[in-house]
Structure formats: C-alpha cells, structure tokens
Amino acid sequence: MTWEKAHDQAFKAACPKCKASLSSNMKFCPDCGEKLHDYKYCGACGAQMPSSHKFCPECGQKI
C-alpha cells in the first residue's frame, strides 16, 4: 500500500445518519445533508467523535 493510499484511508469516516463515506474536512454529508461540524475524526484510526474530545476513544491518540 502506498503512503498516499494509507493517508487517504486514515481520514475516511462514515456519516452518523446514513453511513456514507466521508473525508475529515467535510462539514455536511454529501449523500443525506447531515451536519457534521460537531464531529471530528481521529487522524490515526478515522474514528468519529464529538468535537469536545481531546483523545480518541478508539485508539487513544491525542487529537
């Protein structure tokens, strides 16, 4: 796997409403329009979490 492909996969997540694939910089889901800015994504594992979290609840990475 190339670095670019691994990097792209690390920043992928799913919409909490429709489970569509998202990138970390999206503010709205392109499939259902769900507002996403209250969430952030772990750069290490891609887990979604509330924007108030300082550490990833999945892998423990500092956000």
Protein backbone atom coordinates (compact mmCIF):
# COMPACT_ATOMS: atom_id res chain seq x y z
CA MET A 1 0.00 0.00 0.00
CA THR A 2 1.35 3.43 -0.90
CA TRP A 3 1.67 6.21 1.66
CA GLU A 4 -0.93 8.30 -0.21
CA LYS A 5 -3.48 5.49 -0.13
CA ALA A 6 -2.85 4.82 3.58
CA HIS A 7 -3.13 8.55 4.31
CA ASP A 8 -6.44 8.82 2.44
CA GLN A 9 -7.86 5.80 4.27
CA ALA A 10 -6.82 7.16 7.68
CA PHE A 11 -9.03 10.20 7.18
CA LYS A 12 -12.13 8.36 6.00
CA ALA A 13 -15.15 8.02 8.26
CA ALA A 14 -18.87 7.32 7.95
CA CYS A 15 -21.85 9.65 8.28
CA PRO A 16 -23.63 9.03 11.60
CA LYS A 17 -27.02 9.21 9.86
CA CYS A 18 -26.65 7.35 6.55
CA LYS A 19 -23.18 5.72 6.88
CA ALA A 20 -21.89 7.30 3.66
CA SER A 21 -18.11 7.56 3.31
CA LEU A 22 -16.76 10.94 4.42
CA SER A 23 -13.47 12.82 4.44
CA SER A 24 -12.32 14.62 7.56
CA ASN A 25 -12.74 18.11 6.07
CA MET A 26 -16.46 17.75 5.19
CA LYS A 27 -18.99 19.85 7.10
CA PHE A 28 -22.08 18.16 5.63
CA CYS A 29 -22.71 14.66 4.35
CA PRO A 30 -22.83 14.70 0.53
CA ASP A 31 -25.47 11.93 0.49
CA CYS A 32 -28.01 12.98 3.14
CA GLY A 33 -27.01 16.53 4.14
CA GLU A 34 -26.40 15.67 7.81
CA LYS A 35 -24.50 18.47 9.58
CA LEU A 36 -21.08 17.12 10.56
CA HIS A 37 -19.15 20.02 12.07
CA ASP A 38 -19.99 18.92 15.62
CA TYR A 39 -17.84 15.86 14.97
CA LYS A 40 -14.16 15.35 14.36
CA TYR A 41 -12.19 12.35 13.22
CA CYS A 42 -9.07 10.70 14.56
CA GLY A 43 -6.13 11.13 12.22
CA ALA A 44 -4.71 7.77 13.32
CA CYS A 45 -7.71 5.43 13.02
CA GLY A 46 -10.51 7.53 11.46
CA ALA A 47 -12.91 7.12 14.39
CA GLN A 48 -15.64 9.75 14.67
CA MET A 49 -16.10 11.60 17.97
CA PRO A 50 -17.65 14.77 19.39
CA SER A 51 -15.53 17.86 18.78
CA SER A 52 -15.03 18.28 22.54
CA HIS A 53 -12.88 15.11 22.84
CA LYS A 54 -9.15 15.57 23.30
CA PHE A 55 -8.25 11.89 22.85
CA CYS A 56 -9.64 9.25 20.50
CA PRO A 57 -11.94 6.82 22.33
CA GLU A 58 -10.96 4.04 19.91
CA CYS A 59 -7.16 4.17 19.81
CA GLY A 60 -6.16 6.72 22.48
CA GLN A 61 -4.42 9.07 20.00
CA LYS A 62 -4.23 12.71 21.13
CA ILE A 63 -6.46 14.81 18.87
